[in-house]
Amino acid sequence: MGVSFTLTPHLTKAIGNQTKLFELLILDDEQVEELSLTGQSGELKLDDIASMSVKELRAAVRDLRGDAQAKEQVLGETQKKLVQLQVQTHRKIAADTDWPDALEPITAQIAAAGRSIAKAISDLETCRITLLRTGQALEADLQPKYEAALCHLVQVYEDALGKAERDIQRERVTFDKSLGAYGDPASA
């Protein structure tokens, strides 16, 4: 997989330096694309980035990221409520219900969660590739500062991977002890 967004010339000019680029790396690809194409994503405007200090940009990016996460959380909670209502409605179905069809909303939610996990991994890969490409494009005299900054980024990346691995392992154990018992023994 490659980088899924492109740093356009006007976005690159507005960013100005690698420190600001690092601050923008935590945005979703869609937010960077929107910023690049329309000049604005949420309250963050391309014209303002050039005049912002790194500290101001960091705060603006956190706000934008927080807004997106709040929106995702509300959508997730709404989806959960919808599934609960659908399951409650299906409880009244006669005993000869075609259960795969009755559980379709939950199946869709499980598939969406799987896609979210895949997207999160893809987002991490995009960040890693962007960092490596940025390092390759730097002049030799800038490399030591860049590599020093990477030490912090490597720790953040490592923490993200570690948390994901722990969460997946915990879910695997829980699944194996509960729903996994209903799986096809031949496929295990």
C-alpha atoms as a PDB file:
ATOM      1  CA  MET A   1       0.000   0.000   0.000  1.00  0.00           C
ATOM      2  CA  GLY A   2       1.174   3.526  -0.643  1.00  0.00           C
ATOM      3  CA  VAL A   3       0.466   6.947   0.695  1.00  0.00           C
ATOM      4  CA  SER A   4      -3.189   7.582  -0.013  1.00  0.00           C
ATOM      5  CA  PHE A   5      -2.999  11.349  -0.084  1.00  0.00           C
ATOM      6  CA  THR A   6      -0.773  13.718  -2.016  1.00  0.00           C
ATOM      7  CA  LEU A   7       0.897  16.814  -0.661  1.00  0.00           C
ATOM      8  CA  THR A   8      -0.061  19.385  -3.270  1.00  0.00           C
ATOM      9  CA  PRO A   9       2.226  22.366  -3.884  1.00  0.00           C
ATOM     10  CA  HIS A  10      -0.098  24.823  -2.111  1.00  0.00           C
ATOM     11  CA  LEU A  11      -0.401  22.448   0.883  1.00  0.00           C
ATOM     12  CA  THR A  12       3.371  21.950   0.990  1.00  0.00           C
ATOM     13  CA  LYS A  13       3.901  25.722   0.828  1.00  0.00           C
ATOM     14  CA  ALA A  14       1.392  26.346   3.632  1.00  0.00           C
ATOM     15  CA  ILE A  15       3.013  23.673   5.824  1.00  0.00           C
ATOM     16  CA  GLY A  16       6.395  25.261   5.304  1.00  0.00           C
ATOM     17  CA  ASN A  17       8.551  22.924   7.394  1.00  0.00           C
ATOM     18  CA  GLN A  18       8.818  19.337   8.586  1.00  0.00           C
ATOM     19  CA  THR A  19       7.766  20.182  12.150  1.00  0.00           C
ATOM     20  CA  LYS A  20       4.384  21.349  10.899  1.00  0.00           C
ATOM     21  CA  LEU A  21       4.211  18.319   8.605  1.00  0.00           C
ATOM     22  CA  PHE A  22       4.671  16.041  11.635  1.00  0.00           C
ATOM     23  CA  GLU A  23       1.793  17.821  13.374  1.00  0.00           C
ATOM     24  CA  LEU A  24      -0.473  17.216  10.375  1.00  0.00           C
ATOM     25  CA  LEU A  25       0.412  13.505  10.147  1.00  0.00           C
ATOM     26  CA  ILE A  26      -2.102  12.631  12.867  1.00  0.00           C
ATOM     27  CA  LEU A  27      -4.986  13.779  10.677  1.00  0.00           C
ATOM     28  CA  ASP A  28      -6.970  11.194   8.752  1.00  0.00           C
ATOM     29  CA  ASP A  29      -6.153  10.897   5.056  1.00  0.00           C
ATOM     30  CA  GLU A  30      -9.601  12.264   4.266  1.00  0.00           C
ATOM     31  CA  GLN A  31      -8.937  15.385   6.348  1.00  0.00           C
ATOM     32  CA  VAL A  32      -5.604  16.009   4.594  1.00  0.00           C
ATOM     33  CA  GLU A  33      -7.267  15.479   1.197  1.00  0.00           C
ATOM     34  CA  GLU A  34     -10.055  17.902   2.134  1.00  0.00           C
ATOM     35  CA  LEU A  35      -7.489  20.449   3.320  1.00  0.00           C
ATOM     36  CA  SER A  36      -5.478  20.020   0.138  1.00  0.00           C
ATOM     37  CA  LEU A  37      -8.440  20.164  -2.243  1.00  0.00           C
ATOM     38  CA  THR A  38     -10.721  22.739  -0.597  1.00  0.00           C
ATOM     39  CA  GLY A  39      -8.259  24.681   1.533  1.00  0.00           C
ATOM     40  CA  GLN A  40     -10.136  23.821   4.709  1.00  0.00           C
ATOM     41  CA  SER A  41     -10.969  20.854   6.927  1.00  0.00           C
ATOM     42  CA  GLY A  42     -13.315  21.639   9.776  1.00  0.00           C
ATOM     43  CA  GLU A  43     -12.111  24.865  11.360  1.00  0.00           C
ATOM     44  CA  LEU A  44      -8.534  24.412  10.077  1.00  0.00           C
ATOM     45  CA  LYS A  45      -7.835  26.581   7.023  1.00  0.00           C
ATOM     46  CA  LEU A  46      -4.879  26.189   4.719  1.00  0.00           C
ATOM     47  CA  ASP A  47      -4.286  29.950   4.699  1.00  0.00           C
ATOM     48  CA  ASP A  48      -3.999  29.960   8.500  1.00  0.00           C
ATOM     49  CA  ILE A  49      -1.461  27.103   8.653  1.00  0.00           C
ATOM     50  CA  ALA A  50       1.327  29.199   7.119  1.00  0.00           C
ATOM     51  CA  SER A  51       0.953  31.912   9.751  1.00  0.00           C
ATOM     52  CA  MET A  52       0.450  29.576  12.722  1.00  0.00           C
ATOM     53  CA  SER A  53       3.187  28.639  15.093  1.00  0.00           C
ATOM     54  CA  VAL A  54       3.786  24.927  15.586  1.00  0.00           C
ATOM     55  CA  LYS A  55       2.076  25.177  18.982  1.00  0.00           C
ATOM     56  CA  GLU A  56      -1.006  26.841  17.464  1.00  0.00           C
ATOM     57  CA  LEU A  57      -1.104  24.258  14.666  1.00  0.00           C
ATOM     58  CA  ARG A  58      -0.833  21.422  17.191  1.00  0.00           C
ATOM     59  CA  ALA A  59      -3.826  22.819  19.110  1.00  0.00           C
ATOM     60  CA  ALA A  60      -5.859  23.295  15.925  1.00  0.00           C
ATOM     61  CA  VAL A  61      -5.069  19.757  14.743  1.00  0.00           C
ATOM     62  CA  ARG A  62      -6.051  18.336  18.137  1.00  0.00           C
ATOM     63  CA  ASP A  63      -9.355  20.211  17.955  1.00  0.00           C
ATOM     64  CA  LEU A  64     -10.005  18.961  14.430  1.00  0.00           C
ATOM     65  CA  ARG A  65      -9.029  15.406  15.376  1.00  0.00           C
ATOM     66  CA  GLY A  66     -11.206  15.617  18.498  1.00  0.00           C
ATOM     67  CA  ASP A  67     -14.186  16.771  16.432  1.00  0.00           C
ATOM     68  CA  ALA A  68     -13.737  13.834  14.058  1.00  0.00           C
ATOM     69  CA  GLN A  69     -13.401  11.357  16.934  1.00  0.00           C
ATOM     70  CA  ALA A  70     -16.494  12.772  18.650  1.00  0.00           C
ATOM     71  CA  LYS A  71     -18.423  12.396  15.393  1.00  0.00           C
ATOM     72  CA  GLU A  72     -17.224   8.792  15.009  1.00  0.00           C
ATOM     73  CA  GLN A  73     -18.193   8.056  18.611  1.00  0.00           C
ATOM     74  CA  VAL A  74     -21.704   9.439  18.128  1.00  0.00           C
ATOM     75  CA  LEU A  75     -22.089   7.444  14.908  1.00  0.00           C
ATOM     76  CA  GLY A  76     -20.832   4.302  16.656  1.00  0.00           C
ATOM     77  CA  GLU A  77     -23.231   4.758  19.573  1.00  0.00           C
ATOM     78  CA  THR A  78     -26.109   5.379  17.168  1.00  0.00           C
ATOM     79  CA  GLN A  79     -25.188   2.220  15.238  1.00  0.00           C
ATOM     80  CA  LYS A  80     -25.122   0.204  18.482  1.00  0.00           C
ATOM     81  CA  LYS A  81     -28.560   1.510  19.471  1.00  0.00           C
ATOM     82  CA  LEU A  82     -29.898   0.672  16.017  1.00  0.00           C
ATOM     83  CA  VAL A  83     -28.552  -2.873  16.265  1.00  0.00           C
ATOM     84  CA  GLN A  84     -30.061  -3.260  19.761  1.00  0.00           C
ATOM     85  CA  LEU A  85     -33.437  -2.123  18.471  1.00  0.00           C
ATOM     86  CA  GLN A  86     -33.199  -4.453  15.493  1.00  0.00           C
ATOM     87  CA  VAL A  87     -32.296  -7.407  17.726  1.00  0.00           C
ATOM     88  CA  GLN A  88     -35.174  -6.561  20.096  1.00  0.00           C
ATOM     89  CA  THR A  89     -37.537  -6.425  17.138  1.00  0.00           C
ATOM     90  CA  HIS A  90     -36.265  -9.780  15.883  1.00  0.00           C
ATOM     91  CA  ARG A  91     -36.853 -11.397  19.301  1.00  0.00           C
ATOM     92  CA  LYS A  92     -40.542 -11.381  18.484  1.00  0.00           C
ATOM     93  CA  ILE A  93     -39.968 -13.445  15.333  1.00  0.00           C
ATOM     94  CA  ALA A  94     -41.375 -16.969  15.268  1.00  0.00           C
ATOM     95  CA  ALA A  95     -39.138 -19.882  16.239  1.00  0.00           C
ATOM     96  CA  ASP A  96     -38.590 -20.885  12.611  1.00  0.00           C
ATOM     97  CA  THR A  97     -36.730 -17.643  11.870  1.00  0.00           C
ATOM     98  CA  ASP A  98     -33.963 -17.734   9.297  1.00  0.00           C
ATOM     99  CA  TRP A  99     -31.326 -16.705  11.836  1.00  0.00           C
ATOM    100  CA  PRO A 100     -28.569 -15.625   9.456  1.00  0.00           C
ATOM    101  CA  ASP A 101     -30.990 -13.056   8.027  1.00  0.00           C
ATOM    102  CA  ALA A 102     -32.226 -11.986  11.470  1.00  0.00           C
ATOM    103  CA  LEU A 103     -28.639 -11.357  12.597  1.00  0.00           C
ATOM    104  CA  GLU A 104     -27.660  -9.445   9.450  1.00  0.00           C
ATOM    105  CA  PRO A 105     -27.357  -6.077  11.283  1.00  0.00           C
ATOM    106  CA  ILE A 106     -24.832  -7.557  13.694  1.00  0.00           C
ATOM    107  CA  THR A 107     -23.003  -9.266  10.830  1.00  0.00           C
ATOM    108  CA  ALA A 108     -22.732  -5.899   9.091  1.00  0.00           C
ATOM    109  CA  GLN A 109     -21.438  -4.278  12.274  1.00  0.00           C
ATOM    110  CA  ILE A 110     -18.788  -7.001  12.705  1.00  0.00           C
ATOM    111  CA  ALA A 111     -17.690  -6.554   9.086  1.00  0.00           C
ATOM    112  CA  ALA A 112     -17.519  -2.762   9.582  1.00  0.00           C
ATOM    113  CA  ALA A 113     -15.382  -3.240  12.704  1.00  0.00           C
ATOM    114  CA  GLY A 114     -13.034  -5.459  10.683  1.00  0.00           C
ATOM    115  CA  ARG A 115     -12.772  -2.762   8.011  1.00  0.00           C
ATOM    116  CA  SER A 116     -12.033  -0.178  10.733  1.00  0.00           C
ATOM    117  CA  ILE A 117      -9.184  -2.337  12.041  1.00  0.00           C
ATOM    118  CA  ALA A 118      -7.805  -2.714   8.506  1.00  0.00           C
ATOM    119  CA  LYS A 119      -8.076   1.060   7.949  1.00  0.00           C
ATOM    120  CA  ALA A 120      -6.276   1.793  11.219  1.00  0.00           C
ATOM    121  CA  ILE A 121      -3.428  -0.512  10.167  1.00  0.00           C
ATOM    122  CA  SER A 122      -3.366   1.139   6.744  1.00  0.00           C
ATOM    123  CA  ASP A 123      -3.242   4.576   8.406  1.00  0.00           C
ATOM    124  CA  LEU A 124      -0.222   3.483  10.461  1.00  0.00           C
ATOM    125  CA  GLU A 125       1.467   2.189   7.327  1.00  0.00           C
ATOM    126  CA  THR A 126       0.738   5.467   5.536  1.00  0.00           C
ATOM    127  CA  CYS A 127       2.384   7.404   8.370  1.00  0.00           C
ATOM    128  CA  ARG A 128       5.428   5.124   8.312  1.00  0.00           C
ATOM    129  CA  ILE A 129       5.839   5.440   4.537  1.00  0.00           C
ATOM    130  CA  THR A 130       5.403   9.214   4.687  1.00  0.00           C
ATOM    131  CA  LEU A 131       8.050   9.483   7.398  1.00  0.00           C
ATOM    132  CA  LEU A 132      10.506   7.356   5.421  1.00  0.00           C
ATOM    133  CA  ARG A 133       9.912   9.300   2.211  1.00  0.00           C
ATOM    134  CA  THR A 134      10.281  12.597   4.049  1.00  0.00           C
ATOM    135  CA  GLY A 135      13.612  11.423   5.472  1.00  0.00           C
ATOM    136  CA  GLN A 136      14.862  10.332   2.079  1.00  0.00           C
ATOM    137  CA  ALA A 137      14.044  13.720   0.570  1.00  0.00           C
ATOM    138  CA  LEU A 138      15.977  15.717   3.175  1.00  0.00           C
ATOM    139  CA  GLU A 139      19.404  17.158   2.610  1.00  0.00           C
ATOM    140  CA  ALA A 140      22.231  15.517   4.555  1.00  0.00           C
ATOM    141  CA  ASP A 141      22.661  18.434   6.985  1.00  0.00           C
ATOM    142  CA  LEU A 142      18.997  18.083   8.089  1.00  0.00           C
ATOM    143  CA  GLN A 143      19.186  14.338   8.670  1.00  0.00           C
ATOM    144  CA  PRO A 144      20.452  14.438  12.306  1.00  0.00           C
ATOM    145  CA  LYS A 145      17.555  16.654  13.460  1.00  0.00           C
ATOM    146  CA  TYR A 146      15.097  14.561  11.510  1.00  0.00           C
ATOM    147  CA  GLU A 147      16.427  11.334  13.004  1.00  0.00           C
ATOM    148  CA  ALA A 148      16.233  12.837  16.506  1.00  0.00           C
ATOM    149  CA  ALA A 149      12.566  13.696  15.893  1.00  0.00           C
ATOM    150  CA  LEU A 150      11.977  10.152  14.667  1.00  0.00           C
ATOM    151  CA  CYS A 151      12.960   8.767  18.079  1.00  0.00           C
ATOM    152  CA  HIS A 152       9.800  10.279  19.560  1.00  0.00           C
ATOM    153  CA  LEU A 153       7.654   9.221  16.609  1.00  0.00           C
ATOM    154  CA  VAL A 154       8.979   5.663  16.812  1.00  0.00           C
ATOM    155  CA  GLN A 155       7.863   5.464  20.454  1.00  0.00           C
ATOM    156  CA  VAL A 156       4.368   6.755  19.580  1.00  0.00           C
ATOM    157  CA  TYR A 157       4.165   4.242  16.722  1.00  0.00           C
ATOM    158  CA  GLU A 158       5.389   1.417  18.959  1.00  0.00           C
ATOM    159  CA  ASP A 159       2.820   2.339  21.632  1.00  0.00           C
ATOM    160  CA  ALA A 160       0.027   2.288  19.028  1.00  0.00           C
ATOM    161  CA  LEU A 161       1.113  -1.133  17.749  1.00  0.00           C
ATOM    162  CA  GLY A 162       1.447  -2.524  21.268  1.00  0.00           C
ATOM    163  CA  LYS A 163      -2.024  -1.357  22.277  1.00  0.00           C
ATOM    164  CA  ALA A 164      -3.560  -2.775  19.106  1.00  0.00           C
ATOM    165  CA  GLU A 165      -1.821  -6.119  19.638  1.00  0.00           C
ATOM    166  CA  ARG A 166      -3.006  -6.307  23.272  1.00  0.00           C
ATOM    167  CA  ASP A 167      -6.568  -5.376  22.315  1.00  0.00           C
ATOM    168  CA  ILE A 168      -6.682  -7.923  19.493  1.00  0.00           C
ATOM    169  CA  GLN A 169      -5.205 -10.647  21.715  1.00  0.00           C
ATOM    170  CA  ARG A 170      -7.767  -9.899  24.451  1.00  0.00           C
ATOM    171  CA  GLU A 171     -10.599 -10.017  21.898  1.00  0.00           C
ATOM    172  CA  ARG A 172      -9.215 -13.279  20.447  1.00  0.00           C
ATOM    173  CA  VAL A 173      -9.244 -14.930  23.900  1.00  0.00           C
ATOM    174  CA  THR A 174     -12.762 -13.675  24.641  1.00  0.00           C
ATOM    175  CA  PHE A 175     -13.978 -14.784  21.204  1.00  0.00           C
ATOM    176  CA  ASP A 176     -12.398 -18.234  21.556  1.00  0.00           C
ATOM    177  CA  LYS A 177     -14.083 -18.712  24.959  1.00  0.00           C
ATOM    178  CA  SER A 178     -17.506 -17.597  23.709  1.00  0.00           C
ATOM    179  CA  LEU A 179     -18.483 -17.436  20.029  1.00  0.00           C
ATOM    180  CA  GLY A 180     -15.460 -19.423  18.862  1.00  0.00           C
ATOM    181  CA  ALA A 181     -17.101 -22.588  20.200  1.00  0.00           C
ATOM    182  CA  TYR A 182     -19.718 -22.251  17.464  1.00  0.00           C
ATOM    183  CA  GLY A 183     -17.207 -22.120  14.625  1.00  0.00           C
ATOM    184  CA  ASP A 184     -16.445 -24.862  12.148  1.00  0.00           C
ATOM    185  CA  PRO A 185     -13.843 -27.173  13.780  1.00  0.00           C
ATOM    186  CA  ALA A 186     -12.451 -28.046  10.350  1.00  0.00           C
ATOM    187  CA  SER A 187     -11.516 -24.408   9.679  1.00  0.00           C
ATOM    188  CA  ALA A 188      -9.607 -23.979  12.963  1.00  0.00           C
END
